[in-house]
Amino acid sequence: MKRVIVTGAQGQLGVSIQKMANEFPELELTFASKSEVDLTKPESISEVFSKTTFDYCINCAAYTQVENAERFPEKAFAVNAEGVKNLADQCRKNRVRFIHISTDYVFDGEKKTGYYPGDQTNPINEYGKSKLKGEEYIKQLLDEFLIIRTSWLYSESGTNFYTNILQKARQGETLRVTDSQVGCPTNAKNLARLILTLIKTGNWTPGIIHFTDKDPMTWYDFAVGILKSNNLEDSVEIVRDRNYRSFARRPSYSILLEEKPGKE
């Protein structure tokens, strides 16, 4: 039995892992919300780790408000950088393997053939910079870690692009959706299954990997797909918004690729 703690348990990935827990009886999962493990408070992390011995920590906790991060970068860095450092340090002290979720926003979007894990990072907004700093802390502190970069994470519950599109469509609102960014939407349940499978099998190598649902599209394309899959395409107007207003700069092309061809 492998003992695993999941931080950020109330976020969409944490919830997806909880829903999938019964499929992995080999794992003893402990779910910690922000009130139980606050990454910005080292004492709250050490308290939980002092009570139970864990084999793995899955960090789903993050500050993900891209627009607010641009206005108040200290909030993003407190969680995504310094908070991750606090958690990684506790994993180091307790010899806990650390699995951390990062983002396509560590890249600038200028490379039009997609990004491999070893490609040069260059975040263009404060959110991306804070996530990259968290990655750097992990690599400095730990040997037994896995950083999983993903993109455009969504689920069928909670508050995210998928549920927002459905809500507006069902209310009869005209949808204005940008087509100025290209990425790969990733269902949180698929990422959850990957993580739990890697822990179950132990078939992973320390370092950085990329994981998405591998279907490149724009946000507009994604919205159209959501409407079609819910039989709403004929009941709502959807418009390409070519003048997308965003305080934070965002990578225009952030396809995450898994491994370079021919890598052994």
Protein backbone atom coordinates (compact mmCIF):
# COMPACT_ATOMS: atom_id res chain seq x y z
CA MET A 1 0.00 0.00 0.00
CA LYS A 2 1.46 3.36 -1.10
CA ARG A 3 0.45 6.33 1.01
CA VAL A 4 -0.24 9.51 -0.93
CA ILE A 5 -1.17 13.02 0.14
CA VAL A 6 -2.97 15.27 -2.34
CA THR A 7 -2.73 19.01 -1.67
CA GLY A 8 -5.17 21.44 -3.25
CA ALA A 9 -7.81 18.74 -2.97
CA GLN A 10 -10.74 21.06 -3.64
CA GLY A 11 -9.50 22.19 -7.06
CA GLN A 12 -10.68 20.49 -10.24
CA LEU A 13 -7.70 18.12 -10.46
CA GLY A 14 -7.91 17.26 -6.76
CA VAL A 15 -11.62 16.54 -7.11
CA SER A 16 -10.96 14.40 -10.20
CA ILE A 17 -8.40 12.36 -8.25
CA GLN A 18 -10.91 11.88 -5.44
CA LYS A 19 -13.55 10.62 -7.87
CA MET A 20 -11.06 8.12 -9.27
CA ALA A 21 -9.70 6.89 -5.93
CA ASN A 22 -11.81 3.71 -5.88
CA GLU A 23 -10.15 2.56 -9.11
CA PHE A 24 -6.80 2.44 -7.31
CA PRO A 25 -7.26 0.38 -4.12
CA GLU A 26 -3.48 -0.09 -3.95
CA LEU A 27 -3.14 3.57 -2.97
CA GLU A 28 -4.03 5.07 0.39
CA LEU A 29 -5.00 8.63 -0.49
CA THR A 30 -5.18 11.54 1.94
CA PHE A 31 -6.84 14.68 0.59
CA ALA A 32 -5.84 18.04 2.05
CA SER A 33 -7.69 21.27 1.31
CA LYS A 34 -6.13 24.73 1.63
CA SER A 35 -7.48 25.02 5.17
CA GLU A 36 -5.55 21.87 6.09
CA VAL A 37 -2.37 22.47 4.10
CA ASP A 38 -1.70 26.10 3.19
CA LEU A 39 1.48 26.23 1.09
CA THR A 40 2.20 29.77 2.25
CA LYS A 41 2.34 28.57 5.88
CA PRO A 42 5.22 26.09 6.38
CA GLU A 43 3.91 25.14 9.81
CA SER A 44 0.66 23.82 8.34
CA ILE A 45 2.64 21.58 5.98
CA SER A 46 4.97 20.27 8.67
CA GLU A 47 2.05 19.55 11.00
CA VAL A 48 0.38 17.22 8.50
CA PHE A 49 3.66 15.53 7.54
CA SER A 50 4.52 14.97 11.21
CA LYS A 51 1.32 12.99 11.80
CA THR A 52 1.54 10.53 8.90
CA THR A 53 4.29 8.97 6.82
CA PHE A 54 3.72 9.44 3.09
CA ASP A 55 5.37 7.86 0.08
CA TYR A 56 4.11 10.46 -2.42
CA CYS A 57 2.82 14.00 -2.47
CA ILE A 58 0.69 15.16 -5.41
CA ASN A 59 0.58 18.95 -5.43
CA CYS A 60 -2.61 20.21 -7.06
CA ALA A 61 -2.54 23.50 -5.14
CA ALA A 62 -1.86 26.58 -7.25
CA TYR A 63 -2.74 30.21 -7.79
CA THR A 64 -4.30 30.07 -11.28
CA GLN A 65 -5.89 33.51 -11.72
CA VAL A 66 -3.81 34.70 -14.67
CA GLU A 67 -5.28 38.20 -14.85
CA ASN A 68 -5.00 38.86 -11.12
CA ALA A 69 -1.47 37.46 -11.09
CA GLU A 70 -0.48 40.23 -13.50
CA ARG A 71 -1.89 42.90 -11.19
CA PHE A 72 -0.78 41.28 -7.93
CA PRO A 73 2.23 39.08 -8.77
CA GLU A 74 3.15 38.70 -5.11
CA LYS A 75 0.03 36.57 -4.61
CA ALA A 76 0.98 34.22 -7.43
CA PHE A 77 4.59 33.91 -6.31
CA ALA A 78 3.54 33.30 -2.70
CA VAL A 79 1.74 30.10 -3.72
CA ASN A 80 3.27 28.98 -7.01
CA ALA A 81 6.90 29.66 -6.10
CA GLU A 82 7.55 30.12 -2.37
CA GLY A 83 4.67 27.84 -1.41
CA VAL A 84 5.93 25.10 -3.70
CA LYS A 85 9.38 25.57 -2.18
CA ASN A 86 7.89 25.05 1.29
CA LEU A 87 6.15 21.86 0.22
CA ALA A 88 9.17 20.51 -1.68
CA ASP A 89 11.38 21.17 1.33
CA GLN A 90 9.04 19.18 3.57
CA CYS A 91 9.07 16.33 1.03
CA ARG A 92 12.87 16.44 1.09
CA LYS A 93 12.99 16.22 4.87
CA ASN A 94 10.55 13.31 4.94
CA ARG A 95 11.85 11.49 1.86
CA VAL A 96 8.53 11.83 0.04
CA ARG A 97 8.39 11.61 -3.75
CA PHE A 98 6.93 14.81 -5.15
CA ILE A 99 4.59 15.08 -8.14
CA HIS A 100 3.85 18.66 -9.14
CA ILE A 101 1.55 20.13 -11.79
CA SER A 102 2.90 22.94 -13.96
CA THR A 103 1.74 24.71 -17.10
CA ASP A 104 2.27 25.51 -20.76
CA TYR A 105 2.55 29.15 -19.68
CA VAL A 106 6.23 28.65 -18.83
CA PHE A 107 6.74 29.08 -22.61
CA ASP A 108 6.35 32.24 -24.69
CA GLY A 109 4.33 30.70 -27.54
CA GLU A 110 6.75 31.82 -30.26
CA LYS A 111 7.75 28.30 -31.32
CA LYS A 112 5.16 27.20 -33.88
CA THR A 113 6.03 23.51 -33.84
CA GLY A 114 5.19 22.92 -30.18
CA TYR A 115 7.28 22.48 -27.04
CA TYR A 116 9.16 19.47 -25.68
CA PRO A 117 10.02 19.14 -21.96
CA GLY A 118 13.64 20.15 -22.55
CA ASP A 119 12.89 23.26 -24.60
CA GLN A 120 13.92 26.71 -23.40
CA THR A 121 11.35 28.31 -21.12
CA ASN A 122 10.44 31.98 -21.39
CA PRO A 123 7.21 32.94 -19.61
CA ILE A 124 5.60 36.19 -20.74
CA ASN A 125 3.25 36.80 -17.83
CA GLU A 126 3.53 36.78 -14.03
CA TYR A 127 1.55 33.57 -13.65
CA GLY A 128 3.95 31.72 -15.94
CA LYS A 129 6.95 33.26 -14.19
CA SER A 130 5.66 32.14 -10.79
CA LYS A 131 5.07 28.59 -12.02
CA LEU A 132 8.55 28.42 -13.55
CA LYS A 133 10.10 29.62 -10.29
CA GLY A 134 8.27 26.80 -8.52
CA GLU A 135 9.77 24.31 -10.97
CA GLU A 136 13.23 25.71 -10.30
CA TYR A 137 12.84 25.33 -6.54
CA ILE A 138 11.77 21.71 -6.96
CA LYS A 139 14.81 20.88 -9.08
CA GLN A 140 17.10 22.57 -6.55
CA LEU A 141 15.67 20.77 -3.53
CA LEU A 142 14.72 17.28 -4.72
CA ASP A 143 15.98 14.27 -6.62
CA GLU A 144 12.75 12.23 -6.48
CA PHE A 145 10.33 14.56 -8.27
CA LEU A 146 8.10 14.60 -11.32
CA ILE A 147 6.91 17.89 -12.82
CA ILE A 148 3.96 17.39 -15.15
CA ARG A 149 3.25 20.34 -17.43
CA THR A 150 -0.28 20.38 -18.80
CA SER A 151 -2.50 22.88 -20.61
CA TRP A 152 -6.04 24.22 -20.66
CA LEU A 153 -7.19 21.94 -17.85
CA TYR A 154 -10.96 21.52 -17.54
CA SER A 155 -13.56 19.28 -15.96
CA GLU A 156 -17.33 18.81 -16.19
CA SER A 157 -17.83 20.34 -12.75
CA GLY A 158 -16.59 23.37 -10.84
CA THR A 159 -15.70 26.69 -12.46
CA ASN A 160 -13.67 26.49 -15.66
CA PHE A 161 -13.92 27.22 -19.37
CA TYR A 162 -16.01 24.11 -20.07
CA THR A 163 -18.64 24.80 -17.42
CA ASN A 164 -18.69 28.55 -18.15
CA ILE A 165 -19.46 27.93 -21.83
CA LEU A 166 -22.27 25.55 -20.92
CA GLN A 167 -23.74 27.93 -18.36
CA LYS A 168 -23.78 30.88 -20.75
CA ALA A 169 -25.17 28.76 -23.59
CA ARG A 170 -28.03 27.47 -21.44
CA GLN A 171 -28.83 31.03 -20.43
CA GLY A 172 -29.08 32.00 -24.09
CA GLU A 173 -26.11 34.34 -24.10
CA THR A 174 -24.20 35.12 -27.28
CA LEU A 175 -20.76 33.58 -26.90
CA ARG A 176 -17.71 35.60 -27.90
CA VAL A 177 -14.64 33.41 -27.86
CA THR A 178 -11.09 34.19 -28.96
CA ASP A 179 -9.33 32.27 -31.70
CA SER A 180 -5.97 33.99 -31.07
CA GLN A 181 -4.50 31.18 -28.97
CA VAL A 182 -3.78 27.56 -29.87
CA GLY A 183 -3.35 24.87 -27.24
CA CYS A 184 -4.50 21.42 -26.16
CA PRO A 185 -7.47 21.19 -23.79
CA THR A 186 -6.90 18.52 -21.15
CA ASN A 187 -9.63 16.78 -19.20
CA ALA A 188 -8.69 16.71 -15.52
CA LYS A 189 -9.86 13.10 -15.19
CA ASN A 190 -7.30 12.00 -17.81
CA LEU A 191 -4.50 13.76 -15.96
CA ALA A 192 -5.73 12.27 -12.67
CA ARG A 193 -5.63 8.76 -14.14
CA LEU A 194 -2.11 9.30 -15.47
CA ILE A 195 -0.81 10.45 -12.08
CA LEU A 196 -2.39 7.62 -10.11
CA THR A 197 -1.22 5.05 -12.66
CA LEU A 198 2.36 6.33 -12.48
CA ILE A 199 2.31 6.01 -8.70
CA LYS A 200 0.69 2.58 -8.80
CA THR A 201 3.20 1.15 -11.28
CA GLY A 202 6.24 3.15 -10.19
CA ASN A 203 7.00 3.42 -13.89
CA TRP A 204 8.37 6.95 -14.03
CA THR A 205 11.71 8.70 -14.17
CA PRO A 206 12.47 11.86 -12.18
CA GLY A 207 12.28 15.02 -14.28
CA ILE A 208 9.75 16.94 -16.37
CA ILE A 209 7.10 15.50 -18.66
CA HIS A 210 4.27 16.99 -20.74
CA PHE A 211 0.73 15.65 -20.73
CA THR A 212 -2.33 16.86 -22.67
CA ASP A 213 -5.22 15.32 -24.56
CA LYS A 214 -3.15 15.90 -27.73
CA ASP A 215 -5.81 17.66 -29.82
CA PRO A 216 -4.62 21.18 -30.78
CA MET A 217 -7.30 23.84 -31.19
CA THR A 218 -8.21 27.44 -30.43
CA TRP A 219 -10.47 28.47 -27.57
CA TYR A 220 -13.15 29.10 -30.21
CA ASP A 221 -12.75 25.56 -31.57
CA PHE A 222 -12.96 24.20 -28.03
CA ALA A 223 -16.16 26.14 -27.34
CA VAL A 224 -17.74 24.81 -30.55
CA GLY A 225 -16.82 21.28 -29.50
CA ILE A 226 -18.36 21.77 -26.07
CA LEU A 227 -21.61 22.96 -27.61
CA LYS A 228 -21.74 20.04 -30.05
CA SER A 229 -21.04 17.42 -27.39
CA ASN A 230 -23.94 18.81 -25.36
CA ASN A 231 -26.33 19.22 -28.35
CA LEU A 232 -26.39 23.01 -27.97
CA GLU A 233 -24.78 24.07 -31.25
CA ASP A 234 -28.11 25.10 -32.81
CA SER A 235 -29.47 26.94 -29.79
CA VAL A 236 -26.83 29.60 -29.22
CA GLU A 237 -24.85 32.11 -31.28
CA ILE A 238 -21.09 31.83 -31.08
CA VAL A 239 -18.81 34.54 -32.50
CA ARG A 240 -15.06 34.55 -33.13
CA ASP A 241 -13.61 37.35 -31.02
CA ARG A 242 -10.46 38.57 -32.74
CA ASN A 243 -10.09 41.47 -30.29
CA TYR A 244 -9.69 39.45 -27.13
CA ARG A 245 -8.99 41.80 -24.24
CA SER A 246 -6.53 40.51 -21.68
CA PHE A 247 -4.43 42.38 -19.15
CA ALA A 248 -1.91 39.52 -19.10
CA ARG A 249 -0.03 38.51 -22.23
CA ARG A 250 -0.66 34.89 -23.15
CA PRO A 251 1.31 32.50 -25.37
CA SER A 252 -0.36 32.34 -28.79
CA TYR A 253 0.85 28.80 -29.53
CA SER A 254 1.54 26.55 -26.56
CA ILE A 255 1.22 22.98 -27.80
CA LEU A 256 2.97 20.64 -25.39
CA LEU A 257 4.74 17.68 -26.99
CA GLU A 258 5.80 14.61 -25.01
CA GLU A 259 9.18 13.52 -26.31
CA LYS A 260 11.39 14.32 -29.26
CA PRO A 261 11.19 11.71 -32.03
CA GLY A 262 13.85 9.04 -31.77
CA LYS A 263 14.60 9.61 -28.09
CA GLU A 264 15.62 6.41 -26.37
